[in-house]
Amino acid sequence: MHDTSRIRQHGVANPAAALVQVDRHIAEGRAIIRRQIAVLRHLQQDGLPMHNGLELLAALRETVDALRRHRRFVLEAMPAERLDAAAHPGGAPSVRQAEGA
């Protein structure tokens, strides 16, 4: 488990707000990945080079994976009684639920 004092040291004084932000970033990253996959399909259909596009896709996936690790870090730093409410503000589904997991 992470030291919760590290959260404050890194400028994340409000873990609930950080969770909302990281969830938004993950959703945005996943949308960008879907668009990049569509671009790659068009390139492939047109017989155009895909090397750079594939490299970008890999980097995008690595970024979303890093955001998911950060999300776990934020969740570990949250007090247990706030965890459930913060993970589903206003009844919104969590990222895991949105992904169909």
C-alpha atoms as a PDB file:
ATOM      1  CA  MET A   1       0.000   0.000   0.000  1.00  0.00           C
ATOM      2  CA  HIS A   2       1.179   3.510  -0.785  1.00  0.00           C
ATOM      3  CA  ASP A   3       1.935   6.144   1.827  1.00  0.00           C
ATOM      4  CA  THR A   4      -1.024   8.552   1.689  1.00  0.00           C
ATOM      5  CA  SER A   5       1.242  11.447   2.639  1.00  0.00           C
ATOM      6  CA  ARG A   6       2.824  11.060  -0.815  1.00  0.00           C
ATOM      7  CA  ILE A   7      -0.492  12.107  -2.337  1.00  0.00           C
ATOM      8  CA  ARG A   8      -0.229  15.510  -0.654  1.00  0.00           C
ATOM      9  CA  GLN A   9       3.455  15.797  -1.532  1.00  0.00           C
ATOM     10  CA  HIS A  10       2.583  15.419  -5.191  1.00  0.00           C
ATOM     11  CA  GLY A  11      -0.127  18.060  -5.116  1.00  0.00           C
ATOM     12  CA  VAL A  12      -3.140  15.747  -4.835  1.00  0.00           C
ATOM     13  CA  ALA A  13      -4.732  17.149  -1.713  1.00  0.00           C
ATOM     14  CA  ASN A  14      -8.199  15.904  -2.683  1.00  0.00           C
ATOM     15  CA  PRO A  15      -8.138  12.230  -3.698  1.00  0.00           C
ATOM     16  CA  ALA A  16     -11.837  12.270  -4.651  1.00  0.00           C
ATOM     17  CA  ALA A  17     -11.237  15.096  -7.131  1.00  0.00           C
ATOM     18  CA  ALA A  18      -8.123  13.324  -8.407  1.00  0.00           C
ATOM     19  CA  LEU A  19     -10.189  10.181  -8.969  1.00  0.00           C
ATOM     20  CA  VAL A  20     -12.769  12.083 -11.010  1.00  0.00           C
ATOM     21  CA  GLN A  21     -10.000  13.643 -13.079  1.00  0.00           C
ATOM     22  CA  VAL A  22      -8.139  10.390 -13.716  1.00  0.00           C
ATOM     23  CA  ASP A  23     -11.407   8.650 -14.677  1.00  0.00           C
ATOM     24  CA  ARG A  24     -12.035  11.424 -17.204  1.00  0.00           C
ATOM     25  CA  HIS A  25      -8.498  11.102 -18.576  1.00  0.00           C
ATOM     26  CA  ILE A  26      -8.869   7.335 -18.920  1.00  0.00           C
ATOM     27  CA  ALA A  27     -12.161   7.739 -20.797  1.00  0.00           C
ATOM     28  CA  GLU A  28     -10.613  10.365 -23.086  1.00  0.00           C
ATOM     29  CA  GLY A  29      -7.587   8.157 -23.705  1.00  0.00           C
ATOM     30  CA  ARG A  30      -9.778   5.200 -24.611  1.00  0.00           C
ATOM     31  CA  ALA A  31     -11.717   7.392 -27.073  1.00  0.00           C
ATOM     32  CA  ILE A  32      -8.452   8.520 -28.683  1.00  0.00           C
ATOM     33  CA  ILE A  33      -7.343   4.880 -28.956  1.00  0.00           C
ATOM     34  CA  ARG A  34     -10.593   3.991 -30.734  1.00  0.00           C
ATOM     35  CA  ARG A  35     -10.077   6.850 -33.204  1.00  0.00           C
ATOM     36  CA  GLN A  36      -6.476   5.791 -33.812  1.00  0.00           C
ATOM     37  CA  ILE A  37      -7.593   2.227 -34.531  1.00  0.00           C
ATOM     38  CA  ALA A  38     -10.090   3.593 -37.067  1.00  0.00           C
ATOM     39  CA  VAL A  39      -7.307   5.618 -38.723  1.00  0.00           C
ATOM     40  CA  LEU A  40      -5.102   2.532 -38.882  1.00  0.00           C
ATOM     41  CA  ARG A  41      -7.899   0.537 -40.528  1.00  0.00           C
ATOM     42  CA  HIS A  42      -8.238   3.219 -43.212  1.00  0.00           C
ATOM     43  CA  LEU A  43      -4.497   3.257 -43.772  1.00  0.00           C
ATOM     44  CA  GLN A  44      -4.473  -0.514 -44.117  1.00  0.00           C
ATOM     45  CA  GLN A  45      -7.409  -0.488 -46.543  1.00  0.00           C
ATOM     46  CA  ASP A  46      -5.618   2.113 -48.674  1.00  0.00           C
ATOM     47  CA  GLY A  47      -2.344   0.187 -48.579  1.00  0.00           C
ATOM     48  CA  LEU A  48      -0.536   3.032 -46.843  1.00  0.00           C
ATOM     49  CA  PRO A  49       2.295   2.684 -44.316  1.00  0.00           C
ATOM     50  CA  MET A  50       1.106   2.130 -40.757  1.00  0.00           C
ATOM     51  CA  HIS A  51       4.367   2.013 -38.808  1.00  0.00           C
ATOM     52  CA  ASN A  52       4.089   5.464 -37.216  1.00  0.00           C
ATOM     53  CA  GLY A  53       0.400   4.980 -36.514  1.00  0.00           C
ATOM     54  CA  LEU A  54       1.094   1.679 -34.784  1.00  0.00           C
ATOM     55  CA  GLU A  55       3.808   3.300 -32.675  1.00  0.00           C
ATOM     56  CA  LEU A  56       1.358   6.021 -31.661  1.00  0.00           C
ATOM     57  CA  LEU A  57      -1.254   3.403 -30.770  1.00  0.00           C
ATOM     58  CA  ALA A  58       1.246   1.595 -28.546  1.00  0.00           C
ATOM     59  CA  ALA A  59       2.143   4.859 -26.813  1.00  0.00           C
ATOM     60  CA  LEU A  60      -1.536   5.690 -26.283  1.00  0.00           C
ATOM     61  CA  ARG A  61      -2.163   2.271 -24.746  1.00  0.00           C
ATOM     62  CA  GLU A  62       0.842   2.660 -22.450  1.00  0.00           C
ATOM     63  CA  THR A  63      -0.479   6.043 -21.365  1.00  0.00           C
ATOM     64  CA  VAL A  64      -3.901   4.650 -20.499  1.00  0.00           C
ATOM     65  CA  ASP A  65      -2.232   1.797 -18.599  1.00  0.00           C
ATOM     66  CA  ALA A  66      -0.224   4.376 -16.623  1.00  0.00           C
ATOM     67  CA  LEU A  67      -3.434   6.273 -15.870  1.00  0.00           C
ATOM     68  CA  ARG A  68      -5.033   3.064 -14.593  1.00  0.00           C
ATOM     69  CA  ARG A  69      -2.050   2.477 -12.295  1.00  0.00           C
ATOM     70  CA  HIS A  70      -2.384   6.064 -11.069  1.00  0.00           C
ATOM     71  CA  ARG A  71      -6.089   5.470 -10.438  1.00  0.00           C
ATOM     72  CA  ARG A  72      -5.243   2.492  -8.216  1.00  0.00           C
ATOM     73  CA  PHE A  73      -2.731   4.677  -6.354  1.00  0.00           C
ATOM     74  CA  VAL A  74      -5.412   7.314  -5.736  1.00  0.00           C
ATOM     75  CA  LEU A  75      -7.913   4.675  -4.602  1.00  0.00           C
ATOM     76  CA  GLU A  76      -5.386   3.238  -2.143  1.00  0.00           C
ATOM     77  CA  ALA A  77      -4.890   6.705  -0.668  1.00  0.00           C
ATOM     78  CA  MET A  78      -8.573   7.289  -0.044  1.00  0.00           C
ATOM     79  CA  PRO A  79     -10.118   6.619   3.350  1.00  0.00           C
ATOM     80  CA  ALA A  80     -12.318   3.518   3.154  1.00  0.00           C
ATOM     81  CA  GLU A  81     -15.539   5.354   4.071  1.00  0.00           C
ATOM     82  CA  ARG A  82     -15.060   7.824   1.185  1.00  0.00           C
ATOM     83  CA  LEU A  83     -13.884   5.230  -1.307  1.00  0.00           C
ATOM     84  CA  ASP A  84     -17.259   3.884  -2.405  1.00  0.00           C
ATOM     85  CA  ALA A  85     -18.901   7.302  -2.712  1.00  0.00           C
ATOM     86  CA  ALA A  86     -15.948   8.751  -4.623  1.00  0.00           C
ATOM     87  CA  ALA A  87     -15.668   5.780  -6.951  1.00  0.00           C
ATOM     88  CA  HIS A  88     -19.284   6.267  -8.080  1.00  0.00           C
ATOM     89  CA  PRO A  89     -20.164   9.968  -7.710  1.00  0.00           C
ATOM     90  CA  GLY A  90     -23.792  10.629  -8.493  1.00  0.00           C
ATOM     91  CA  GLY A  91     -24.317   7.004  -9.408  1.00  0.00           C
ATOM     92  CA  ALA A  92     -21.943   7.228 -12.380  1.00  0.00           C
ATOM     93  CA  PRO A  93     -20.389   3.902 -13.351  1.00  0.00           C
ATOM     94  CA  SER A  94     -16.751   3.334 -12.591  1.00  0.00           C
ATOM     95  CA  VAL A  95     -14.209   3.067 -15.405  1.00  0.00           C
ATOM     96  CA  ARG A  96     -14.098  -0.691 -14.844  1.00  0.00           C
ATOM     97  CA  GLN A  97     -17.865  -0.931 -15.328  1.00  0.00           C
ATOM     98  CA  ALA A  98     -17.730   1.325 -18.388  1.00  0.00           C
ATOM     99  CA  GLU A  99     -15.157  -1.020 -19.901  1.00  0.00           C
ATOM    100  CA  GLY A 100     -17.523  -3.943 -19.445  1.00  0.00           C
ATOM    101  CA  ALA A 101     -15.283  -5.665 -16.901  1.00  0.00           C
END
